[in-house]
Amino acid sequence: MQERQIGPDRIILDPGIGFAKNDEQNLRLMQNLNALTVNAWPVLLAASRKTTIGNVLGVSQPLPPEERLEGTLAVTAAAVYAGASLVRVHDVKENVRLIRMLEAIRKV
């Protein structure tokens, strides 16, 4: 049997927000994302419009996906501050603007 190796330049860590996790587990992953960003591999956070955001922001019922922009922006900001290399988002323009502003603040 021939072994095949994957080079480290082809590895990205994704904590899998929303996959078989409840809201508390998803929030803890987001809160502790920096535990993953201290290693050599880039970290991807793909939490845009996820159910957890709808559950957290909804008062009596979850917000629908199209009303989760502010929550997604908060998660993107937290991911940037935790050192994530990549974020997967639906609202690209808004998230890019947020990241540019955060980067400007961090450079000062």
PDB file of N, CA and C in Angstrom:
ATOM      1  N   MET A   1       0.831  -1.181   0.000  1.00  0.00           N
ATOM      2  CA  MET A   1       0.000   0.000   0.000  1.00  0.00           C
ATOM      3  C   MET A   1       0.880   1.250   0.000  1.00  0.00           C
ATOM      4  N   GLN A   2       0.613   2.135  -0.906  1.00  0.00           N
ATOM      5  CA  GLN A   2       1.402   3.355  -1.030  1.00  0.00           C
ATOM      6  C   GLN A   2       0.829   4.436  -0.119  1.00  0.00           C
ATOM      7  N   GLU A   3       1.720   5.045   0.647  1.00  0.00           N
ATOM      8  CA  GLU A   3       1.297   6.154   1.506  1.00  0.00           C
ATOM      9  C   GLU A   3       1.369   7.450   0.726  1.00  0.00           C
ATOM     10  N   ARG A   4       0.386   8.288   0.965  1.00  0.00           N
ATOM     11  CA  ARG A   4       0.397   9.624   0.381  1.00  0.00           C
ATOM     12  C   ARG A   4       0.358  10.621   1.509  1.00  0.00           C
ATOM     13  N   GLN A   5       1.203  11.577   1.393  1.00  0.00           N
ATOM     14  CA  GLN A   5       1.262  12.582   2.442  1.00  0.00           C
ATOM     15  C   GLN A   5       0.695  13.892   1.926  1.00  0.00           C
ATOM     16  N   ILE A   6       0.055  14.585   2.822  1.00  0.00           N
ATOM     17  CA  ILE A   6      -0.465  15.908   2.507  1.00  0.00           C
ATOM     18  C   ILE A   6       0.507  16.913   3.088  1.00  0.00           C
ATOM     19  N   GLY A   7       0.969  17.808   2.246  1.00  0.00           N
ATOM     20  CA  GLY A   7       1.907  18.821   2.709  1.00  0.00           C
ATOM     21  C   GLY A   7       1.232  19.798   3.660  1.00  0.00           C
ATOM     22  N   PRO A   8       1.983  20.346   4.594  1.00  0.00           N
ATOM     23  CA  PRO A   8       1.408  21.277   5.560  1.00  0.00           C
ATOM     24  C   PRO A   8       0.819  22.527   4.914  1.00  0.00           C
ATOM     25  N   ASP A   9       1.246  22.832   3.693  1.00  0.00           N
ATOM     26  CA  ASP A   9       0.706  23.992   2.993  1.00  0.00           C
ATOM     27  C   ASP A   9      -0.697  23.727   2.444  1.00  0.00           C
ATOM     28  N   ARG A  10      -1.203  22.508   2.611  1.00  0.00           N
ATOM     29  CA  ARG A  10      -2.540  22.153   2.127  1.00  0.00           C
ATOM     30  C   ARG A  10      -3.506  21.871   3.268  1.00  0.00           C
ATOM     31  N   ILE A  11      -3.131  22.263   4.482  1.00  0.00           N
ATOM     32  CA  ILE A  11      -3.969  22.014   5.655  1.00  0.00           C
ATOM     33  C   ILE A  11      -4.543  23.333   6.157  1.00  0.00           C
ATOM     34  N   ILE A  12      -5.830  23.329   6.397  1.00  0.00           N
ATOM     35  CA  ILE A  12      -6.535  24.458   7.019  1.00  0.00           C
ATOM     36  C   ILE A  12      -7.392  23.881   8.134  1.00  0.00           C
ATOM     37  N   LEU A  13      -7.318  24.468   9.304  1.00  0.00           N
ATOM     38  CA  LEU A  13      -8.137  24.010  10.425  1.00  0.00           C
ATOM     39  C   LEU A  13      -9.476  24.733  10.409  1.00  0.00           C
ATOM     40  N   ASP A  14     -10.554  23.975  10.540  1.00  0.00           N
ATOM     41  CA  ASP A  14     -11.908  24.516  10.584  1.00  0.00           C
ATOM     42  C   ASP A  14     -12.618  23.866  11.765  1.00  0.00           C
ATOM     43  N   PRO A  15     -12.955  24.659  12.800  1.00  0.00           N
ATOM     44  CA  PRO A  15     -13.603  24.062  13.963  1.00  0.00           C
ATOM     45  C   PRO A  15     -15.022  23.571  13.687  1.00  0.00           C
ATOM     46  N   GLY A  16     -15.572  23.855  12.520  1.00  0.00           N
ATOM     47  CA  GLY A  16     -16.866  23.293  12.145  1.00  0.00           C
ATOM     48  C   GLY A  16     -18.028  23.858  12.941  1.00  0.00           C
ATOM     49  N   ILE A  17     -18.144  25.158  12.988  1.00  0.00           N
ATOM     50  CA  ILE A  17     -19.261  25.780  13.695  1.00  0.00           C
ATOM     51  C   ILE A  17     -20.571  25.241  13.126  1.00  0.00           C
ATOM     52  N   GLY A  18     -21.435  24.774  14.006  1.00  0.00           N
ATOM     53  CA  GLY A  18     -22.752  24.305  13.593  1.00  0.00           C
ATOM     54  C   GLY A  18     -22.856  22.824  13.297  1.00  0.00           C
ATOM     55  N   PHE A  19     -21.753  22.122  13.165  1.00  0.00           N
ATOM     56  CA  PHE A  19     -21.810  20.705  12.825  1.00  0.00           C
ATOM     57  C   PHE A  19     -21.877  19.858  14.093  1.00  0.00           C
ATOM     58  N   ALA A  20     -23.065  19.364  14.388  1.00  0.00           N
ATOM     59  CA  ALA A  20     -23.314  18.485  15.545  1.00  0.00           C
ATOM     60  C   ALA A  20     -22.927  19.140  16.865  1.00  0.00           C
ATOM     61  N   LYS A  21     -23.133  20.448  16.952  1.00  0.00           N
ATOM     62  CA  LYS A  21     -22.845  21.176  18.190  1.00  0.00           C
ATOM     63  C   LYS A  21     -24.044  22.022  18.558  1.00  0.00           C
ATOM     64  N   ASN A  22     -24.245  22.216  19.858  1.00  0.00           N
ATOM     65  CA  ASN A  22     -25.313  23.108  20.285  1.00  0.00           C
ATOM     66  C   ASN A  22     -24.780  24.538  20.354  1.00  0.00           C
ATOM     67  N   ASP A  23     -25.661  25.471  20.670  1.00  0.00           N
ATOM     68  CA  ASP A  23     -25.259  26.880  20.683  1.00  0.00           C
ATOM     69  C   ASP A  23     -24.117  27.143  21.659  1.00  0.00           C
ATOM     70  N   GLU A  24     -24.195  26.580  22.845  1.00  0.00           N
ATOM     71  CA  GLU A  24     -23.135  26.816  23.829  1.00  0.00           C
ATOM     72  C   GLU A  24     -21.789  26.295  23.328  1.00  0.00           C
ATOM     73  N   GLN A  25     -21.781  25.127  22.721  1.00  0.00           N
ATOM     74  CA  GLN A  25     -20.533  24.565  22.190  1.00  0.00           C
ATOM     75  C   GLN A  25     -19.978  25.433  21.057  1.00  0.00           C
ATOM     76  N   ASN A  26     -20.855  25.922  20.185  1.00  0.00           N
ATOM     77  CA  ASN A  26     -20.414  26.814  19.106  1.00  0.00           C
ATOM     78  C   ASN A  26     -19.839  28.107  19.663  1.00  0.00           C
ATOM     79  N   LEU A  27     -20.501  28.684  20.653  1.00  0.00           N
ATOM     80  CA  LEU A  27     -20.014  29.928  21.255  1.00  0.00           C
ATOM     81  C   LEU A  27     -18.679  29.712  21.961  1.00  0.00           C
ATOM     82  N   ARG A  28     -18.506  28.574  22.618  1.00  0.00           N
ATOM     83  CA  ARG A  28     -17.226  28.283  23.277  1.00  0.00           C
ATOM     84  C   ARG A  28     -16.100  28.134  22.244  1.00  0.00           C
ATOM     85  N   LEU A  29     -16.405  27.501  21.118  1.00  0.00           N
ATOM     86  CA  LEU A  29     -15.399  27.406  20.052  1.00  0.00           C
ATOM     87  C   LEU A  29     -15.001  28.791  19.560  1.00  0.00           C
ATOM     88  N   MET A  30     -15.986  29.646  19.355  1.00  0.00           N
ATOM     89  CA  MET A  30     -15.681  31.006  18.902  1.00  0.00           C
ATOM     90  C   MET A  30     -14.898  31.770  19.964  1.00  0.00           C
ATOM     91  N   GLN A  31     -15.273  31.586  21.210  1.00  0.00           N
ATOM     92  CA  GLN A  31     -14.603  32.270  22.317  1.00  0.00           C
ATOM     93  C   GLN A  31     -13.149  31.832  22.454  1.00  0.00           C
ATOM     94  N   ASN A  32     -12.881  30.590  22.158  1.00  0.00           N
ATOM     95  CA  ASN A  32     -11.538  30.031  22.343  1.00  0.00           C
ATOM     96  C   ASN A  32     -10.824  29.743  21.028  1.00  0.00           C
ATOM     97  N   LEU A  33     -11.202  30.436  19.979  1.00  0.00           N
ATOM     98  CA  LEU A  33     -10.598  30.210  18.670  1.00  0.00           C
ATOM     99  C   LEU A  33      -9.091  30.415  18.692  1.00  0.00           C
ATOM    100  N   ASN A  34      -8.632  31.300  19.559  1.00  0.00           N
ATOM    101  CA  ASN A  34      -7.187  31.565  19.639  1.00  0.00           C
ATOM    102  C   ASN A  34      -6.388  30.318  20.034  1.00  0.00           C
ATOM    103  N   ALA A  35      -7.026  29.330  20.625  1.00  0.00           N
ATOM    104  CA  ALA A  35      -6.332  28.080  20.945  1.00  0.00           C
ATOM    105  C   ALA A  35      -5.934  27.334  19.671  1.00  0.00           C
ATOM    106  N   LEU A  36      -6.660  27.569  18.584  1.00  0.00           N
ATOM    107  CA  LEU A  36      -6.315  26.941  17.309  1.00  0.00           C
ATOM    108  C   LEU A  36      -5.343  27.785  16.493  1.00  0.00           C
ATOM    109  N   THR A  37      -5.389  29.093  16.679  1.00  0.00           N
ATOM    110  CA  THR A  37      -4.585  29.982  15.831  1.00  0.00           C
ATOM    111  C   THR A  37      -3.121  30.073  16.262  1.00  0.00           C
ATOM    112  N   VAL A  38      -2.759  29.421  17.348  1.00  0.00           N
ATOM    113  CA  VAL A  38      -1.371  29.471  17.815  1.00  0.00           C
ATOM    114  C   VAL A  38      -0.477  28.438  17.126  1.00  0.00           C
ATOM    115  N   ASN A  39      -1.058  27.583  16.289  1.00  0.00           N
ATOM    116  CA  ASN A  39      -0.259  26.572  15.609  1.00  0.00           C
ATOM    117  C   ASN A  39       0.156  27.052  14.224  1.00  0.00           C
ATOM    118  N   ALA A  40       0.773  26.183  13.475  1.00  0.00           N
ATOM    119  CA  ALA A  40       1.351  26.562  12.181  1.00  0.00           C
ATOM    120  C   ALA A  40       0.332  26.634  11.043  1.00  0.00           C
ATOM    121  N   TRP A  41      -0.860  26.082  11.233  1.00  0.00           N
ATOM    122  CA  TRP A  41      -1.823  26.019  10.137  1.00  0.00           C
ATOM    123  C   TRP A  41      -2.816  27.172  10.192  1.00  0.00           C
ATOM    124  N   PRO A  42      -3.246  27.631   9.029  1.00  0.00           N
ATOM    125  CA  PRO A  42      -4.275  28.678   9.011  1.00  0.00           C
ATOM    126  C   PRO A  42      -5.596  28.137   9.545  1.00  0.00           C
ATOM    127  N   VAL A  43      -6.365  29.027  10.153  1.00  0.00           N
ATOM    128  CA  VAL A  43      -7.667  28.660  10.710  1.00  0.00           C
ATOM    129  C   VAL A  43      -8.754  29.371   9.918  1.00  0.00           C
ATOM    130  N   LEU A  44      -9.771  28.614   9.566  1.00  0.00           N
ATOM    131  CA  LEU A  44     -10.934  29.115   8.849  1.00  0.00           C
ATOM    132  C   LEU A  44     -12.116  29.117   9.807  1.00  0.00           C
ATOM    133  N   LEU A  45     -12.820  30.235   9.882  1.00  0.00           N
ATOM    134  CA  LEU A  45     -14.069  30.259  10.633  1.00  0.00           C
ATOM    135  C   LEU A  45     -15.193  30.517   9.642  1.00  0.00           C
ATOM    136  N   ALA A  46     -16.098  29.578   9.559  1.00  0.00           N
ATOM    137  CA  ALA A  46     -17.226  29.665   8.628  1.00  0.00           C
ATOM    138  C   ALA A  46     -18.517  29.677   9.441  1.00  0.00           C
ATOM    139  N   ALA A  47     -18.830  30.837  10.008  1.00  0.00           N
ATOM    140  CA  ALA A  47     -20.004  30.940  10.878  1.00  0.00           C
ATOM    141  C   ALA A  47     -21.067  31.878  10.317  1.00  0.00           C
ATOM    142  N   SER A  48     -20.865  32.394   9.119  1.00  0.00           N
ATOM    143  CA  SER A  48     -21.777  33.359   8.525  1.00  0.00           C
ATOM    144  C   SER A  48     -23.213  32.836   8.491  1.00  0.00           C
ATOM    145  N   ARG A  49     -24.110  33.601   9.099  1.00  0.00           N
ATOM    146  CA  ARG A  49     -25.556  33.321   9.103  1.00  0.00           C
ATOM    147  C   ARG A  49     -25.928  31.997   9.758  1.00  0.00           C
ATOM    148  N   LYS A  50     -25.047  31.409  10.542  1.00  0.00           N
ATOM    149  CA  LYS A  50     -25.325  30.113  11.160  1.00  0.00           C
ATOM    150  C   LYS A  50     -26.491  30.206  12.142  1.00  0.00           C
ATOM    151  N   THR A  51     -27.100  29.073  12.414  1.00  0.00           N
ATOM    152  CA  THR A  51     -28.248  28.983  13.302  1.00  0.00           C
ATOM    153  C   THR A  51     -27.943  29.551  14.679  1.00  0.00           C
ATOM    154  N   THR A  52     -26.756  29.315  15.185  1.00  0.00           N
ATOM    155  CA  THR A  52     -26.390  29.845  16.505  1.00  0.00           C
ATOM    156  C   THR A  52     -26.545  31.364  16.540  1.00  0.00           C
ATOM    157  N   ILE A  53     -26.159  32.042  15.482  1.00  0.00           N
ATOM    158  CA  ILE A  53     -26.311  33.500  15.430  1.00  0.00           C
ATOM    159  C   ILE A  53     -27.794  33.854  15.491  1.00  0.00           C
ATOM    160  N   GLY A  54     -28.606  33.164  14.729  1.00  0.00           N
ATOM    161  CA  GLY A  54     -30.051  33.404  14.755  1.00  0.00           C
ATOM    162  C   GLY A  54     -30.659  33.144  16.111  1.00  0.00           C
ATOM    163  N   ASN A  55     -30.194  32.099  16.785  1.00  0.00           N
ATOM    164  CA  ASN A  55     -30.703  31.773  18.117  1.00  0.00           C
ATOM    165  C   ASN A  55     -30.297  32.821  19.146  1.00  0.00           C
ATOM    166  N   VAL A  56     -29.055  33.275  19.078  1.00  0.00           N
ATOM    167  CA  VAL A  56     -28.565  34.265  20.039  1.00  0.00           C
ATOM    168  C   VAL A  56     -29.269  35.606  19.844  1.00  0.00           C
ATOM    169  N   LEU A  57     -29.453  36.020  18.604  1.00  0.00           N
ATOM    170  CA  LEU A  57     -30.025  37.336  18.328  1.00  0.00           C
ATOM    171  C   LEU A  57     -31.548  37.366  18.364  1.00  0.00           C
ATOM    172  N   GLY A  58     -32.185  36.237  18.179  1.00  0.00           N
ATOM    173  CA  GLY A  58     -33.647  36.192  18.199  1.00  0.00           C
ATOM    174  C   GLY A  58     -34.170  36.309  19.614  1.00  0.00           C
ATOM    175  N   VAL A  59     -35.276  36.999  19.778  1.00  0.00           N
ATOM    176  CA  VAL A  59     -35.853  37.184  21.107  1.00  0.00           C
ATOM    177  C   VAL A  59     -36.747  35.999  21.453  1.00  0.00           C
ATOM    178  N   SER A  60     -37.823  35.812  20.714  1.00  0.00           N
ATOM    179  CA  SER A  60     -38.740  34.705  21.014  1.00  0.00           C
ATOM    180  C   SER A  60     -38.566  33.542  20.045  1.00  0.00           C
ATOM    181  N   GLN A  61     -37.921  33.812  18.927  1.00  0.00           N
ATOM    182  CA  GLN A  61     -37.623  32.756  17.956  1.00  0.00           C
ATOM    183  C   GLN A  61     -36.373  33.157  17.182  1.00  0.00           C
ATOM    184  N   PRO A  62     -35.680  32.186  16.592  1.00  0.00           N
ATOM    185  CA  PRO A  62     -34.441  32.510  15.865  1.00  0.00           C
ATOM    186  C   PRO A  62     -34.701  33.503  14.728  1.00  0.00           C
ATOM    187  N   LEU A  63     -33.726  34.371  14.503  1.00  0.00           N
ATOM    188  CA  LEU A  63     -33.811  35.261  13.349  1.00  0.00           C
ATOM    189  C   LEU A  63     -33.585  34.452  12.076  1.00  0.00           C
ATOM    190  N   PRO A  64     -34.253  34.803  10.986  1.00  0.00           N
ATOM    191  CA  PRO A  64     -33.989  34.112   9.724  1.00  0.00           C
ATOM    192  C   PRO A  64     -32.587  34.464   9.212  1.00  0.00           C
ATOM    193  N   PRO A  65     -32.011  33.613   8.387  1.00  0.00           N
ATOM    194  CA  PRO A  65     -30.633  33.832   7.918  1.00  0.00           C
ATOM    195  C   PRO A  65     -30.369  35.214   7.336  1.00  0.00           C
ATOM    196  N   GLU A  66     -31.289  35.761   6.595  1.00  0.00           N
ATOM    197  CA  GLU A  66     -31.061  37.060   5.960  1.00  0.00           C
ATOM    198  C   GLU A  66     -31.039  38.218   6.958  1.00  0.00           C
ATOM    199  N   GLU A  67     -31.361  37.964   8.227  1.00  0.00           N
ATOM    200  CA  GLU A  67     -31.333  39.007   9.255  1.00  0.00           C
ATOM    201  C   GLU A  67     -30.201  38.803  10.264  1.00  0.00           C
ATOM    202  N   ARG A  68     -29.178  38.082   9.883  1.00  0.00           N
ATOM    203  CA  ARG A  68     -28.083  37.748  10.798  1.00  0.00           C
ATOM    204  C   ARG A  68     -26.781  38.479  10.489  1.00  0.00           C
ATOM    205  N   LEU A  69     -26.845  39.570   9.741  1.00  0.00           N
ATOM    206  CA  LEU A  69     -25.627  40.287   9.348  1.00  0.00           C
ATOM    207  C   LEU A  69     -24.846  40.782  10.553  1.00  0.00           C
ATOM    208  N   GLU A  70     -25.515  41.446  11.489  1.00  0.00           N
ATOM    209  CA  GLU A  70     -24.798  42.012  12.638  1.00  0.00           C
ATOM    210  C   GLU A  70     -24.108  40.925  13.447  1.00  0.00           C
ATOM    211  N   GLY A  71     -24.767  39.801  13.629  1.00  0.00           N
ATOM    212  CA  GLY A  71     -24.149  38.691  14.348  1.00  0.00           C
ATOM    213  C   GLY A  71     -22.958  38.128  13.600  1.00  0.00           C
ATOM    214  N   THR A  72     -23.098  38.019  12.281  1.00  0.00           N
ATOM    215  CA  THR A  72     -21.978  37.551  11.469  1.00  0.00           C
ATOM    216  C   THR A  72     -20.802  38.507  11.572  1.00  0.00           C
ATOM    217  N   LEU A  73     -21.064  39.808  11.534  1.00  0.00           N
ATOM    218  CA  LEU A  73     -19.980  40.790  11.654  1.00  0.00           C
ATOM    219  C   LEU A  73     -19.284  40.679  13.007  1.00  0.00           C
ATOM    220  N   ALA A  74     -20.052  40.441  14.058  1.00  0.00           N
ATOM    221  CA  ALA A  74     -19.453  40.275  15.390  1.00  0.00           C
ATOM    222  C   ALA A  74     -18.548  39.044  15.417  1.00  0.00           C
ATOM    223  N   VAL A  75     -19.007  37.966  14.813  1.00  0.00           N
ATOM    224  CA  VAL A  75     -18.203  36.742  14.771  1.00  0.00           C
ATOM    225  C   VAL A  75     -16.950  36.956  13.923  1.00  0.00           C
ATOM    226  N   THR A  76     -17.081  37.657  12.806  1.00  0.00           N
ATOM    227  CA  THR A  76     -15.914  37.955  11.971  1.00  0.00           C
ATOM    228  C   THR A  76     -14.895  38.770  12.756  1.00  0.00           C
ATOM    229  N   ALA A  77     -15.365  39.785  13.479  1.00  0.00           N
ATOM    230  CA  ALA A  77     -14.452  40.609  14.285  1.00  0.00           C
ATOM    231  C   ALA A  77     -13.741  39.756  15.327  1.00  0.00           C
ATOM    232  N   ALA A  78     -14.482  38.896  16.006  1.00  0.00           N
ATOM    233  CA  ALA A  78     -13.874  38.023  17.013  1.00  0.00           C
ATOM    234  C   ALA A  78     -12.843  37.095  16.372  1.00  0.00           C
ATOM    235  N   ALA A  79     -13.148  36.584  15.184  1.00  0.00           N
ATOM    236  CA  ALA A  79     -12.225  35.685  14.488  1.00  0.00           C
ATOM    237  C   ALA A  79     -10.939  36.405  14.100  1.00  0.00           C
ATOM    238  N   VAL A  80     -11.070  37.644  13.620  1.00  0.00           N
ATOM    239  CA  VAL A  80      -9.889  38.426  13.256  1.00  0.00           C
ATOM    240  C   VAL A  80      -9.023  38.670  14.488  1.00  0.00           C
ATOM    241  N   TYR A  81      -9.639  39.065  15.579  1.00  0.00           N
ATOM    242  CA  TYR A  81      -8.870  39.319  16.798  1.00  0.00           C
ATOM    243  C   TYR A  81      -8.250  38.050  17.373  1.00  0.00           C
ATOM    244  N   ALA A  82      -8.876  36.902  17.110  1.00  0.00           N
ATOM    245  CA  ALA A  82      -8.320  35.634  17.590  1.00  0.00           C
ATOM    246  C   ALA A  82      -7.201  35.126  16.692  1.00  0.00           C
ATOM    247  N   GLY A  83      -7.028  35.752  15.517  1.00  0.00           N
ATOM    248  CA  GLY A  83      -5.954  35.349  14.637  1.00  0.00           C
ATOM    249  C   GLY A  83      -6.340  34.425  13.500  1.00  0.00           C
ATOM    250  N   ALA A  84      -7.637  34.284  13.227  1.00  0.00           N
ATOM    251  CA  ALA A  84      -8.063  33.440  12.111  1.00  0.00           C
ATOM    252  C   ALA A  84      -7.520  34.001  10.802  1.00  0.00           C
ATOM    253  N   SER A  85      -7.143  33.120   9.918  1.00  0.00           N
ATOM    254  CA  SER A  85      -6.597  33.516   8.623  1.00  0.00           C
ATOM    255  C   SER A  85      -7.680  33.706   7.572  1.00  0.00           C
ATOM    256  N   LEU A  86      -8.782  32.991   7.741  1.00  0.00           N
ATOM    257  CA  LEU A  86      -9.844  32.996   6.742  1.00  0.00           C
ATOM    258  C   LEU A  86     -11.211  33.024   7.426  1.00  0.00           C
ATOM    259  N   VAL A  87     -12.149  33.713   6.797  1.00  0.00           N
ATOM    260  CA  VAL A  87     -13.551  33.632   7.206  1.00  0.00           C
ATOM    261  C   VAL A  87     -14.381  33.382   5.952  1.00  0.00           C
ATOM    262  N   ARG A  88     -15.376  32.547   6.088  1.00  0.00           N
ATOM    263  CA  ARG A  88     -16.302  32.316   4.987  1.00  0.00           C
ATOM    264  C   ARG A  88     -17.573  33.076   5.319  1.00  0.00           C
ATOM    265  N   VAL A  89     -17.986  33.958   4.404  1.00  0.00           N
ATOM    266  CA  VAL A  89     -19.131  34.821   4.673  1.00  0.00           C
ATOM    267  C   VAL A  89     -20.039  34.906   3.452  1.00  0.00           C
ATOM    268  N   HIS A  90     -21.279  35.315   3.703  1.00  0.00           N
ATOM    269  CA  HIS A  90     -22.232  35.560   2.634  1.00  0.00           C
ATOM    270  C   HIS A  90     -22.178  37.024   2.194  1.00  0.00           C
ATOM    271  N   ASP A  91     -22.061  37.920   3.155  1.00  0.00           N
ATOM    272  CA  ASP A  91     -22.083  39.361   2.895  1.00  0.00           C
ATOM    273  C   ASP A  91     -20.643  39.864   2.811  1.00  0.00           C
ATOM    274  N   VAL A  92     -20.047  39.672   1.648  1.00  0.00           N
ATOM    275  CA  VAL A  92     -18.617  39.923   1.464  1.00  0.00           C
ATOM    276  C   VAL A  92     -18.263  41.393   1.671  1.00  0.00           C
ATOM    277  N   LYS A  93     -18.957  42.289   1.029  1.00  0.00           N
ATOM    278  CA  LYS A  93     -18.627  43.718   1.098  1.00  0.00           C
ATOM    279  C   LYS A  93     -18.604  44.204   2.552  1.00  0.00           C
ATOM    280  N   GLU A  94     -19.606  43.874   3.316  1.00  0.00           N
ATOM    281  CA  GLU A  94     -19.704  44.342   4.694  1.00  0.00           C
ATOM    282  C   GLU A  94     -18.587  43.759   5.558  1.00  0.00           C
ATOM    283  N   ASN A  95     -18.289  42.489   5.350  1.00  0.00           N
ATOM    284  CA  ASN A  95     -17.234  41.846   6.132  1.00  0.00           C
ATOM    285  C   ASN A  95     -15.852  42.355   5.751  1.00  0.00           C
ATOM    286  N   VAL A  96     -15.617  42.616   4.474  1.00  0.00           N
ATOM    287  CA  VAL A  96     -14.332  43.172   4.055  1.00  0.00           C
ATOM    288  C   VAL A  96     -14.136  44.544   4.681  1.00  0.00           C
ATOM    289  N   ARG A  97     -15.185  45.354   4.687  1.00  0.00           N
ATOM    290  CA  ARG A  97     -15.082  46.684   5.300  1.00  0.00           C
ATOM    291  C   ARG A  97     -14.783  46.571   6.797  1.00  0.00           C
ATOM    292  N   LEU A  98     -15.447  45.662   7.458  1.00  0.00           N
ATOM    293  CA  LEU A  98     -15.199  45.442   8.882  1.00  0.00           C
ATOM    294  C   LEU A  98     -13.745  45.048   9.116  1.00  0.00           C
ATOM    295  N   ILE A  99     -13.240  44.112   8.335  1.00  0.00           N
ATOM    296  CA  ILE A  99     -11.862  43.642   8.506  1.00  0.00           C
ATOM    297  C   ILE A  99     -10.872  44.763   8.213  1.00  0.00           C
ATOM    298  N   ARG A 100     -11.128  45.555   7.186  1.00  0.00           N
ATOM    299  CA  ARG A 100     -10.236  46.690   6.894  1.00  0.00           C
ATOM    300  C   ARG A 100     -10.181  47.656   8.070  1.00  0.00           C
ATOM    301  N   MET A 101     -11.325  47.914   8.675  1.00  0.00           N
ATOM    302  CA  MET A 101     -11.360  48.830   9.821  1.00  0.00           C
ATOM    303  C   MET A 101     -10.611  48.237  11.006  1.00  0.00           C
ATOM    304  N   LEU A 102     -10.820  46.965  11.262  1.00  0.00           N
ATOM    305  CA  LEU A 102     -10.101  46.312  12.365  1.00  0.00           C
ATOM    306  C   LEU A 102      -8.590  46.338  12.136  1.00  0.00           C
ATOM    307  N   GLU A 103      -8.171  46.094  10.907  1.00  0.00           N
ATOM    308  CA  GLU A 103      -6.753  46.110  10.604  1.00  0.00           C
ATOM    309  C   GLU A 103      -6.171  47.494  10.793  1.00  0.00           C
ATOM    310  N   ALA A 104      -6.929  48.545  10.432  1.00  0.00           N
ATOM    311  CA  ALA A 104      -6.461  49.906  10.635  1.00  0.00           C
ATOM    312  C   ALA A 104      -6.307  50.210  12.128  1.00  0.00           C
ATOM    313  N   ILE A 105      -7.253  49.758  12.928  1.00  0.00           N
ATOM    314  CA  ILE A 105      -7.189  49.972  14.378  1.00  0.00           C
ATOM    315  C   ILE A 105      -5.976  49.258  14.966  1.00  0.00           C
ATOM    316  N   ARG A 106      -5.743  48.042  14.517  1.00  0.00           N
ATOM    317  CA  ARG A 106      -4.623  47.249  15.059  1.00  0.00           C
ATOM    318  C   ARG A 106      -3.274  47.806  14.679  1.00  0.00           C
ATOM    319  N   LYS A 107      -3.180  48.535  13.558  1.00  0.00           N
ATOM    320  CA  LYS A 107      -1.900  49.080  13.091  1.00  0.00           C
ATOM    321  C   LYS A 107      -1.474  50.314  13.877  1.00  0.00           C
ATOM    322  N   VAL A 108      -2.409  50.995  14.478  1.00  0.00           N
ATOM    323  CA  VAL A 108      -2.090  52.255  15.174  1.00  0.00           C
ATOM    324  C   VAL A 108      -1.222  51.985  16.377  1.00  0.00           C
TER     325      VAL A 108
END
